Amino acid sequence: MLNQSSEINHKSGNYIERNLPWLIPAIGTLVLLAAPILLELTGTASPLPHWLPLVGAIIGSFLTGLGSIFVDTFSAKVIQYLAFALGLGGAVIVVLMM
């Protein structure tokens, strides 16, 4: 069964095509996190509330983890473990701050 799975992944296309379900939300999350930093570096005030990029990044991280579930590649498995670890760490921080 493992050989069939790897043959299917090999035949289905290149890396980007196979991993699109989690790559697109991951890139969007990085853009949301980098935008306020880049605006601050250029001296431009952000027109958005300071909490909005964080909420977008949380949603994007969730979608990245969800998209990685539907992809059977090694990098998707790494993203799943990272998403779990970050989510668990975030939950612990929220509980400790209460």
C-alpha atoms as a PDB file:
ATOM      1  CA  MET A   1       0.000   0.000   0.000  1.00  0.00           C
ATOM      2  CA  LEU A   2       2.859   2.394   0.756  1.00  0.00           C
ATOM      3  CA  ASN A   3       4.292   1.836  -2.716  1.00  0.00           C
ATOM      4  CA  GLN A   4       0.931   2.594  -4.320  1.00  0.00           C
ATOM      5  CA  SER A   5       0.642   5.824  -2.350  1.00  0.00           C
ATOM      6  CA  SER A   6       4.104   7.016  -3.325  1.00  0.00           C
ATOM      7  CA  GLU A   7       3.448   6.081  -6.968  1.00  0.00           C
ATOM      8  CA  ILE A   8       0.228   8.095  -6.937  1.00  0.00           C
ATOM      9  CA  ASN A   9       2.025  11.133  -5.476  1.00  0.00           C
ATOM     10  CA  HIS A  10       4.841  10.812  -7.987  1.00  0.00           C
ATOM     11  CA  LYS A  11       2.445  10.643 -10.928  1.00  0.00           C
ATOM     12  CA  SER A  12       0.133  13.412  -9.758  1.00  0.00           C
ATOM     13  CA  GLY A  13       2.443  16.332 -10.525  1.00  0.00           C
ATOM     14  CA  ASN A  14       5.128  18.465  -9.057  1.00  0.00           C
ATOM     15  CA  TYR A  15       5.635  19.570  -5.470  1.00  0.00           C
ATOM     16  CA  ILE A  16       3.581  22.744  -5.675  1.00  0.00           C
ATOM     17  CA  GLU A  17       0.581  21.059  -7.304  1.00  0.00           C
ATOM     18  CA  ARG A  18       0.502  18.303  -4.681  1.00  0.00           C
ATOM     19  CA  ASN A  19       0.850  20.705  -1.753  1.00  0.00           C
ATOM     20  CA  LEU A  20      -1.414  23.575  -2.863  1.00  0.00           C
ATOM     21  CA  PRO A  21      -4.104  22.844  -0.229  1.00  0.00           C
ATOM     22  CA  TRP A  22      -1.741  23.915   2.545  1.00  0.00           C
ATOM     23  CA  LEU A  23       0.719  26.160   0.683  1.00  0.00           C
ATOM     24  CA  ILE A  24      -1.830  28.838  -0.258  1.00  0.00           C
ATOM     25  CA  PRO A  25      -3.052  29.461   3.322  1.00  0.00           C
ATOM     26  CA  ALA A  26       0.553  29.318   4.598  1.00  0.00           C
ATOM     27  CA  ILE A  27       1.659  32.021   2.162  1.00  0.00           C
ATOM     28  CA  GLY A  28      -1.384  34.132   3.040  1.00  0.00           C
ATOM     29  CA  THR A  29      -0.567  33.788   6.738  1.00  0.00           C
ATOM     30  CA  LEU A  30       3.019  34.895   6.164  1.00  0.00           C
ATOM     31  CA  VAL A  31       1.812  37.930   4.205  1.00  0.00           C
ATOM     32  CA  LEU A  32      -0.612  38.870   6.991  1.00  0.00           C
ATOM     33  CA  LEU A  33       2.147  38.620   9.579  1.00  0.00           C
ATOM     34  CA  ALA A  34       4.728  40.485   7.486  1.00  0.00           C
ATOM     35  CA  ALA A  35       2.507  43.373   6.343  1.00  0.00           C
ATOM     36  CA  PRO A  36       2.426  45.317   9.656  1.00  0.00           C
ATOM     37  CA  ILE A  37       6.175  44.850  10.096  1.00  0.00           C
ATOM     38  CA  LEU A  38       6.901  46.113   6.599  1.00  0.00           C
ATOM     39  CA  LEU A  39       4.576  49.085   7.067  1.00  0.00           C
ATOM     40  CA  GLU A  40       6.341  49.962  10.314  1.00  0.00           C
ATOM     41  CA  LEU A  41       9.746  49.749   8.630  1.00  0.00           C
ATOM     42  CA  THR A  42       8.643  52.168   5.915  1.00  0.00           C
ATOM     43  CA  GLY A  43       7.213  54.575   8.483  1.00  0.00           C
ATOM     44  CA  THR A  44       3.644  54.174   7.250  1.00  0.00           C
ATOM     45  CA  ALA A  45       0.880  53.824   9.802  1.00  0.00           C
ATOM     46  CA  SER A  46      -1.296  50.766   9.328  1.00  0.00           C
ATOM     47  CA  PRO A  47      -4.941  51.643   8.643  1.00  0.00           C
ATOM     48  CA  LEU A  48      -6.047  48.362  10.237  1.00  0.00           C
ATOM     49  CA  PRO A  49      -6.484  47.621  13.940  1.00  0.00           C
ATOM     50  CA  HIS A  50      -3.379  46.025  15.454  1.00  0.00           C
ATOM     51  CA  TRP A  51      -5.251  42.816  16.316  1.00  0.00           C
ATOM     52  CA  LEU A  52      -6.638  42.144  12.820  1.00  0.00           C
ATOM     53  CA  PRO A  53      -3.477  40.595  11.284  1.00  0.00           C
ATOM     54  CA  LEU A  54      -3.196  38.289  14.297  1.00  0.00           C
ATOM     55  CA  VAL A  55      -6.765  37.068  13.868  1.00  0.00           C
ATOM     56  CA  GLY A  56      -6.098  36.532  10.155  1.00  0.00           C
ATOM     57  CA  ALA A  57      -2.913  34.647  10.967  1.00  0.00           C
ATOM     58  CA  ILE A  58      -4.754  32.382  13.402  1.00  0.00           C
ATOM     59  CA  ILE A  59      -7.398  31.596  10.793  1.00  0.00           C
ATOM     60  CA  GLY A  60      -4.715  31.111   8.133  1.00  0.00           C
ATOM     61  CA  SER A  61      -2.767  28.767  10.406  1.00  0.00           C
ATOM     62  CA  PHE A  62      -5.902  26.734  11.004  1.00  0.00           C
ATOM     63  CA  LEU A  63      -6.543  26.516   7.248  1.00  0.00           C
ATOM     64  CA  THR A  64      -2.909  25.546   6.649  1.00  0.00           C
ATOM     65  CA  GLY A  65      -3.195  22.685   9.119  1.00  0.00           C
ATOM     66  CA  LEU A  66      -6.540  21.644   7.687  1.00  0.00           C
ATOM     67  CA  GLY A  67      -5.210  21.702   4.128  1.00  0.00           C
ATOM     68  CA  SER A  68      -2.208  19.586   5.116  1.00  0.00           C
ATOM     69  CA  ILE A  69      -4.534  16.821   6.284  1.00  0.00           C
ATOM     70  CA  PHE A  70      -5.705  16.240   2.715  1.00  0.00           C
ATOM     71  CA  VAL A  71      -2.199  15.943   1.258  1.00  0.00           C
ATOM     72  CA  ASP A  72      -0.118  12.789   1.556  1.00  0.00           C
ATOM     73  CA  THR A  73       3.410  14.199   1.403  1.00  0.00           C
ATOM     74  CA  PHE A  74       6.201  14.362   3.944  1.00  0.00           C
ATOM     75  CA  SER A  75       6.149  18.162   4.081  1.00  0.00           C
ATOM     76  CA  ALA A  76       2.399  18.102   4.783  1.00  0.00           C
ATOM     77  CA  LYS A  77       3.021  15.744   7.707  1.00  0.00           C
ATOM     78  CA  VAL A  78       5.664  18.138   9.070  1.00  0.00           C
ATOM     79  CA  ILE A  79       3.165  21.011   8.782  1.00  0.00           C
ATOM     80  CA  GLN A  80       0.570  18.936  10.649  1.00  0.00           C
ATOM     81  CA  TYR A  81       2.933  18.386  13.573  1.00  0.00           C
ATOM     82  CA  LEU A  82       4.001  22.043  13.578  1.00  0.00           C
ATOM     83  CA  ALA A  83       0.385  23.209  13.506  1.00  0.00           C
ATOM     84  CA  PHE A  84      -0.454  20.908  16.411  1.00  0.00           C
ATOM     85  CA  ALA A  85       2.544  22.084  18.443  1.00  0.00           C
ATOM     86  CA  LEU A  86       1.808  25.773  17.777  1.00  0.00           C
ATOM     87  CA  GLY A  87      -1.876  25.311  18.583  1.00  0.00           C
ATOM     88  CA  LEU A  88      -1.077  23.501  21.805  1.00  0.00           C
ATOM     89  CA  GLY A  89       1.469  26.152  22.773  1.00  0.00           C
ATOM     90  CA  GLY A  90      -1.012  28.919  22.007  1.00  0.00           C
ATOM     91  CA  ALA A  91      -3.687  27.237  24.092  1.00  0.00           C
ATOM     92  CA  VAL A  92      -1.291  26.879  27.024  1.00  0.00           C
ATOM     93  CA  ILE A  93      -0.334  30.562  26.796  1.00  0.00           C
ATOM     94  CA  VAL A  94      -3.994  31.612  26.722  1.00  0.00           C
ATOM     95  CA  VAL A  95      -4.765  29.466  29.769  1.00  0.00           C
ATOM     96  CA  LEU A  96      -1.751  30.816  31.668  1.00  0.00           C
ATOM     97  CA  MET A  97      -2.743  34.411  30.906  1.00  0.00           C
ATOM     98  CA  MET A  98      -6.206  33.958  32.438  1.00  0.00           C
END
